N, C-alpha and C. Protein backbone atom coordinates (compact mmCIF):
# COMPACT_ATOMS: atom_id res chain seq x y z
N MET A 1 9.26 -28.26 -0.28
CA MET A 1 10.02 -28.12 -1.45
C MET A 1 9.21 -28.68 -2.63
N ALA A 2 8.99 -28.00 -3.71
CA ALA A 2 8.23 -28.50 -4.89
C ALA A 2 9.13 -29.68 -5.37
N THR A 3 8.51 -30.70 -5.82
CA THR A 3 9.18 -31.78 -6.69
C THR A 3 8.90 -31.78 -8.08
N ASN A 4 9.88 -32.17 -8.97
CA ASN A 4 9.63 -32.30 -10.24
C ASN A 4 10.23 -33.53 -10.83
N ASP A 5 9.46 -34.78 -10.81
CA ASP A 5 10.10 -36.09 -11.14
C ASP A 5 10.63 -35.99 -12.69
N ASN A 6 9.80 -35.50 -13.53
CA ASN A 6 10.16 -35.22 -15.01
C ASN A 6 9.56 -33.95 -15.38
N ALA A 7 9.73 -33.62 -16.64
CA ALA A 7 9.30 -32.30 -17.11
C ALA A 7 7.79 -32.21 -17.15
N LYS A 8 7.04 -33.28 -17.04
CA LYS A 8 5.58 -33.11 -17.03
C LYS A 8 4.90 -33.47 -15.78
N LYS A 9 5.63 -33.71 -14.73
CA LYS A 9 4.92 -34.04 -13.39
C LYS A 9 5.47 -33.03 -12.40
N TYR A 10 4.68 -32.63 -11.54
CA TYR A 10 5.02 -31.61 -10.67
C TYR A 10 4.11 -31.72 -9.35
N SER A 11 4.77 -31.49 -8.03
CA SER A 11 4.03 -31.57 -6.96
C SER A 11 4.55 -30.41 -6.11
N VAL A 12 3.57 -29.73 -5.40
CA VAL A 12 4.02 -28.60 -4.51
C VAL A 12 3.20 -28.68 -3.27
N ALA A 13 3.65 -28.38 -2.08
CA ALA A 13 2.84 -28.42 -0.82
C ALA A 13 2.06 -27.10 -0.86
N ILE A 14 0.90 -27.11 -0.21
CA ILE A 14 0.04 -25.96 0.13
C ILE A 14 -0.51 -26.06 1.48
N SER A 15 -1.06 -24.94 2.05
CA SER A 15 -1.65 -24.82 3.28
C SER A 15 -2.93 -24.06 3.28
N TYR A 16 -3.87 -24.25 4.02
CA TYR A 16 -5.09 -23.36 4.26
C TYR A 16 -5.48 -23.48 5.55
N GLN A 17 -5.55 -22.36 6.24
CA GLN A 17 -5.93 -22.30 7.69
C GLN A 17 -5.04 -23.32 8.45
N ASN A 18 -5.65 -24.26 9.04
CA ASN A 18 -4.79 -25.19 9.82
C ASN A 18 -4.58 -26.58 9.11
N SER A 19 -4.74 -26.53 7.68
CA SER A 19 -4.48 -27.78 6.93
C SER A 19 -3.33 -27.72 6.00
N LEU A 20 -2.54 -28.82 6.00
CA LEU A 20 -1.41 -28.91 5.15
C LEU A 20 -1.95 -29.84 4.03
N GLY A 21 -1.44 -29.73 2.84
CA GLY A 21 -1.68 -30.52 1.74
C GLY A 21 -0.74 -30.29 0.59
N TRP A 22 -1.07 -30.88 -0.73
CA TRP A 22 -0.29 -30.75 -1.70
C TRP A 22 -1.10 -30.74 -2.99
N ILE A 23 -0.46 -30.48 -4.01
CA ILE A 23 -1.13 -30.56 -5.36
C ILE A 23 -0.21 -31.35 -6.27
N ASP A 24 -0.59 -32.33 -6.90
CA ASP A 24 0.06 -33.16 -7.86
C ASP A 24 -0.39 -32.71 -9.32
N TYR A 25 0.46 -32.37 -10.10
CA TYR A 25 0.01 -31.88 -11.57
C TYR A 25 0.80 -32.99 -12.44
N ASP A 26 -0.09 -33.40 -13.43
CA ASP A 26 0.27 -34.32 -14.46
C ASP A 26 0.17 -33.68 -15.77
N GLY A 27 1.30 -33.33 -16.40
CA GLY A 27 1.20 -32.62 -17.67
C GLY A 27 0.85 -33.52 -18.87
N ASP A 28 0.98 -34.75 -18.71
CA ASP A 28 0.55 -35.64 -19.79
C ASP A 28 -1.04 -35.63 -19.86
N LYS A 29 -1.71 -35.76 -18.83
CA LYS A 29 -3.13 -35.78 -18.73
C LYS A 29 -3.67 -34.28 -18.58
N LYS A 30 -3.01 -33.34 -18.28
CA LYS A 30 -3.25 -31.82 -18.00
C LYS A 30 -4.20 -31.88 -16.94
N GLU A 31 -3.98 -32.48 -15.73
CA GLU A 31 -4.74 -32.57 -14.72
C GLU A 31 -3.87 -32.27 -13.41
N ALA A 32 -4.65 -31.73 -12.41
CA ALA A 32 -4.18 -31.44 -11.03
C ALA A 32 -4.99 -32.13 -10.11
N GLU A 33 -4.43 -32.86 -9.14
CA GLU A 33 -5.17 -33.32 -8.00
C GLU A 33 -4.82 -32.65 -6.79
N VAL A 34 -5.62 -32.19 -6.18
CA VAL A 34 -5.60 -31.38 -4.75
C VAL A 34 -5.74 -32.22 -3.67
N HIS A 35 -4.71 -32.38 -2.75
CA HIS A 35 -4.91 -33.15 -1.58
C HIS A 35 -4.86 -32.07 -0.31
N LEU A 36 -6.16 -31.85 0.26
CA LEU A 36 -6.05 -30.95 1.27
C LEU A 36 -7.25 -31.42 2.30
N GLY A 37 -7.02 -31.47 3.61
CA GLY A 37 -8.02 -31.86 4.41
C GLY A 37 -9.31 -30.99 4.60
N ASP A 38 -8.99 -29.61 4.34
CA ASP A 38 -9.96 -28.58 4.41
C ASP A 38 -10.79 -28.50 3.14
N GLU A 39 -11.98 -28.89 3.20
CA GLU A 39 -12.87 -28.94 1.93
C GLU A 39 -13.03 -27.60 1.13
N THR A 40 -13.14 -26.60 1.94
CA THR A 40 -13.19 -25.10 1.41
C THR A 40 -12.02 -24.82 0.73
N GLY A 41 -10.91 -25.08 1.26
CA GLY A 41 -9.57 -24.65 0.44
C GLY A 41 -9.39 -25.57 -0.59
N LYS A 42 -9.81 -26.83 -0.48
CA LYS A 42 -9.66 -27.80 -1.63
C LYS A 42 -10.42 -27.17 -2.95
N LYS A 43 -11.60 -26.96 -2.57
CA LYS A 43 -12.58 -26.58 -3.58
C LYS A 43 -12.14 -25.21 -4.24
N ARG A 44 -11.65 -24.38 -3.49
CA ARG A 44 -11.23 -22.95 -3.91
C ARG A 44 -10.04 -23.23 -4.94
N THR A 45 -9.15 -24.21 -4.53
CA THR A 45 -8.04 -24.39 -5.35
C THR A 45 -8.39 -25.04 -6.66
N GLU A 46 -9.21 -26.01 -6.50
CA GLU A 46 -9.73 -26.91 -7.72
C GLU A 46 -10.32 -25.96 -8.75
N ASP A 47 -11.26 -24.97 -8.20
CA ASP A 47 -11.89 -24.02 -9.04
C ASP A 47 -11.02 -23.21 -9.62
N TYR A 48 -9.92 -22.61 -8.92
CA TYR A 48 -9.01 -21.67 -9.48
C TYR A 48 -8.22 -22.43 -10.68
N LEU A 49 -7.78 -23.68 -10.49
CA LEU A 49 -6.90 -24.35 -11.39
C LEU A 49 -7.77 -24.62 -12.63
N HIS A 50 -9.09 -24.60 -12.56
CA HIS A 50 -9.92 -25.02 -13.84
C HIS A 50 -10.40 -23.63 -14.46
N GLU A 51 -9.82 -22.55 -14.33
CA GLU A 51 -10.19 -21.39 -14.80
C GLU A 51 -8.93 -20.78 -15.55
N THR A 52 -9.06 -19.99 -16.60
CA THR A 52 -8.00 -19.16 -17.12
C THR A 52 -7.95 -17.87 -16.47
N HIS A 53 -6.71 -17.31 -16.40
CA HIS A 53 -6.49 -16.10 -15.67
C HIS A 53 -5.59 -15.13 -16.37
N GLU A 54 -6.03 -13.90 -16.34
CA GLU A 54 -5.16 -12.95 -16.99
C GLU A 54 -4.07 -12.27 -15.80
N LEU A 55 -2.89 -12.55 -16.06
CA LEU A 55 -1.85 -12.08 -15.01
C LEU A 55 -0.81 -11.23 -15.67
N GLY A 56 -0.45 -10.37 -14.92
CA GLY A 56 0.68 -9.47 -15.24
C GLY A 56 1.99 -9.97 -14.94
N VAL A 57 2.82 -10.29 -15.93
CA VAL A 57 4.15 -11.04 -15.83
C VAL A 57 5.17 -9.93 -15.82
N PRO A 58 6.15 -9.91 -14.84
CA PRO A 58 7.00 -8.79 -14.69
C PRO A 58 8.15 -9.07 -15.69
N HIS A 59 8.90 -8.05 -16.01
CA HIS A 59 10.16 -8.06 -16.94
C HIS A 59 11.36 -7.49 -16.06
N LYS A 60 12.00 -6.62 -16.70
CA LYS A 60 13.15 -5.94 -16.13
C LYS A 60 12.98 -5.11 -15.05
N THR A 61 11.91 -4.29 -15.01
CA THR A 61 11.63 -3.39 -13.77
C THR A 61 10.37 -3.57 -13.23
N LEU A 62 10.02 -3.04 -12.11
CA LEU A 62 8.78 -3.10 -11.49
C LEU A 62 7.62 -2.53 -12.29
N MET A 63 7.94 -1.76 -13.09
CA MET A 63 6.84 -1.09 -13.87
C MET A 63 6.68 -1.73 -15.29
N ASP A 64 7.42 -2.75 -15.63
CA ASP A 64 7.42 -3.35 -16.90
C ASP A 64 6.74 -4.68 -16.82
N PHE A 65 5.38 -4.78 -17.20
CA PHE A 65 4.73 -5.98 -17.08
C PHE A 65 3.93 -6.18 -18.53
N THR A 66 3.79 -7.44 -18.78
CA THR A 66 2.97 -7.84 -19.89
C THR A 66 1.87 -8.83 -19.43
N ARG A 67 0.62 -8.35 -19.87
CA ARG A 67 -0.53 -9.12 -19.58
C ARG A 67 -0.72 -10.39 -20.44
N VAL A 68 -0.78 -11.52 -19.83
CA VAL A 68 -0.97 -12.84 -20.45
C VAL A 68 -2.05 -13.61 -19.80
N THR A 69 -2.72 -14.28 -20.67
CA THR A 69 -3.82 -15.26 -20.24
C THR A 69 -3.23 -16.72 -19.99
N VAL A 70 -3.36 -17.24 -18.80
CA VAL A 70 -2.79 -18.46 -18.38
C VAL A 70 -3.85 -19.44 -18.10
N ASP A 71 -3.77 -20.57 -18.70
CA ASP A 71 -4.42 -21.72 -18.39
C ASP A 71 -3.56 -22.54 -17.62
N PRO A 72 -4.00 -22.69 -16.22
CA PRO A 72 -3.16 -23.44 -15.24
C PRO A 72 -2.87 -24.84 -15.55
N LEU A 73 -3.63 -25.56 -16.20
CA LEU A 73 -3.39 -27.02 -16.62
C LEU A 73 -2.75 -27.13 -17.93
N ALA A 74 -2.44 -26.14 -18.59
CA ALA A 74 -1.89 -26.30 -20.06
C ALA A 74 -0.59 -27.01 -19.96
N ASP A 75 0.31 -26.67 -19.10
CA ASP A 75 1.63 -27.18 -19.03
C ASP A 75 2.26 -26.81 -17.52
N VAL A 76 3.36 -27.46 -17.23
CA VAL A 76 4.00 -27.22 -16.02
C VAL A 76 4.47 -25.69 -15.86
N ALA A 77 5.00 -25.10 -16.74
CA ALA A 77 5.28 -23.65 -16.57
C ALA A 77 4.05 -22.80 -16.37
N SER A 78 2.95 -23.01 -17.04
CA SER A 78 1.72 -22.34 -16.88
C SER A 78 1.10 -22.71 -15.27
N PHE A 79 1.31 -23.80 -15.08
CA PHE A 79 0.83 -24.30 -13.53
C PHE A 79 1.46 -23.42 -12.59
N GLN A 80 2.90 -23.44 -12.71
CA GLN A 80 3.74 -22.77 -11.73
C GLN A 80 3.36 -21.35 -11.73
N LEU A 81 3.24 -20.68 -12.86
CA LEU A 81 2.90 -19.30 -12.89
C LEU A 81 1.51 -19.01 -12.30
N ALA A 82 0.57 -19.73 -12.56
CA ALA A 82 -0.79 -19.59 -11.99
C ALA A 82 -0.64 -19.77 -10.46
N LEU A 83 0.14 -20.70 -10.05
CA LEU A 83 0.22 -20.84 -8.56
C LEU A 83 0.98 -19.63 -7.74
N THR A 84 1.58 -18.89 -8.52
CA THR A 84 2.17 -17.56 -7.86
C THR A 84 1.02 -16.59 -7.49
N ARG A 85 -0.23 -16.79 -8.00
CA ARG A 85 -1.38 -15.92 -7.75
C ARG A 85 -2.47 -16.58 -6.97
N LEU A 86 -2.14 -18.00 -6.57
CA LEU A 86 -3.32 -18.69 -5.98
C LEU A 86 -3.71 -17.94 -4.61
N TRP A 87 -2.77 -17.47 -3.84
CA TRP A 87 -3.00 -16.85 -2.55
C TRP A 87 -4.14 -15.66 -2.72
N ASN A 88 -3.73 -14.86 -3.88
CA ASN A 88 -4.54 -13.70 -3.93
C ASN A 88 -6.01 -14.06 -4.31
N GLN A 89 -6.26 -15.13 -4.92
CA GLN A 89 -7.68 -15.50 -5.26
C GLN A 89 -8.40 -16.50 -4.23
N THR A 90 -7.59 -17.29 -3.37
CA THR A 90 -8.26 -18.34 -2.74
C THR A 90 -7.99 -18.22 -1.20
N ASN A 91 -6.88 -17.64 -0.88
CA ASN A 91 -6.26 -17.65 0.45
C ASN A 91 -5.60 -18.97 0.90
N VAL A 92 -5.43 -19.76 -0.23
CA VAL A 92 -4.54 -20.91 -0.15
C VAL A 92 -3.14 -20.63 -0.39
N GLN A 93 -2.25 -21.01 0.60
CA GLN A 93 -0.88 -20.74 0.33
C GLN A 93 -0.09 -21.69 -0.36
N VAL A 94 0.79 -21.47 -1.13
CA VAL A 94 1.69 -22.36 -1.80
C VAL A 94 2.96 -22.28 -0.94
N ASP A 95 3.41 -23.44 -0.39
CA ASP A 95 4.47 -23.55 0.44
C ASP A 95 5.73 -24.03 -0.23
N TRP A 96 6.28 -23.22 -1.22
CA TRP A 96 7.27 -23.47 -2.00
C TRP A 96 8.53 -24.35 -1.50
N SER A 97 8.73 -23.86 -0.23
CA SER A 97 10.06 -24.54 0.34
C SER A 97 9.77 -25.68 1.21
N ARG A 98 8.37 -25.85 1.50
CA ARG A 98 8.12 -27.10 2.43
C ARG A 98 8.19 -28.46 1.50
N PRO A 99 8.91 -29.44 2.03
CA PRO A 99 9.06 -30.54 1.32
C PRO A 99 7.73 -31.35 1.29
N VAL A 100 7.29 -31.66 -0.11
CA VAL A 100 6.17 -32.32 -0.45
C VAL A 100 6.14 -33.64 0.34
N SER A 101 7.33 -34.43 0.38
CA SER A 101 7.35 -35.64 0.93
C SER A 101 7.03 -35.72 2.36
N TYR A 102 7.42 -34.51 3.15
CA TYR A 102 7.13 -34.53 4.58
C TYR A 102 5.52 -34.18 4.76
N VAL A 103 5.04 -33.43 3.82
CA VAL A 103 3.39 -33.15 3.90
C VAL A 103 2.85 -34.37 3.69
N LYS A 104 3.13 -35.17 2.82
CA LYS A 104 2.52 -36.51 2.64
C LYS A 104 2.61 -37.30 3.76
N GLU A 105 3.59 -37.31 4.49
CA GLU A 105 3.69 -38.16 5.62
C GLU A 105 2.91 -37.47 6.92
N HIS A 106 3.10 -36.12 6.84
CA HIS A 106 2.39 -35.42 8.12
C HIS A 106 1.42 -34.29 7.65
N PRO A 107 0.28 -34.64 7.18
CA PRO A 107 -0.51 -33.59 6.56
C PRO A 107 -1.36 -32.70 7.63
N HIS A 108 -0.49 -32.34 8.54
CA HIS A 108 -1.27 -31.51 9.72
C HIS A 108 -0.12 -30.64 10.30
N TYR A 109 -0.34 -29.76 11.10
CA TYR A 109 0.68 -28.98 11.80
C TYR A 109 1.01 -29.71 13.11
């Protein structure tokens, strides 16, 4: 489960192949720190977070989208929106419901 200690800090669990990990986002510094035992997955995630992305944001229907450019490190909302597409670009899964505290204690399956 993602954690949000305040409006500018955010952590979420991730997984890649057989590795569990997490990402810590700091909105004051506009930085994200990726903790993942698999170096390929870690690099893919870091690269993805340091690029802007054009995303289709849905509205009231499945056919109603607006194209927006998102800088994942700009703020928590942009970070979260970018994470919804992380899997498509990197094969790194965001484990929205997995407790981050558990992953920090047990960074493996």
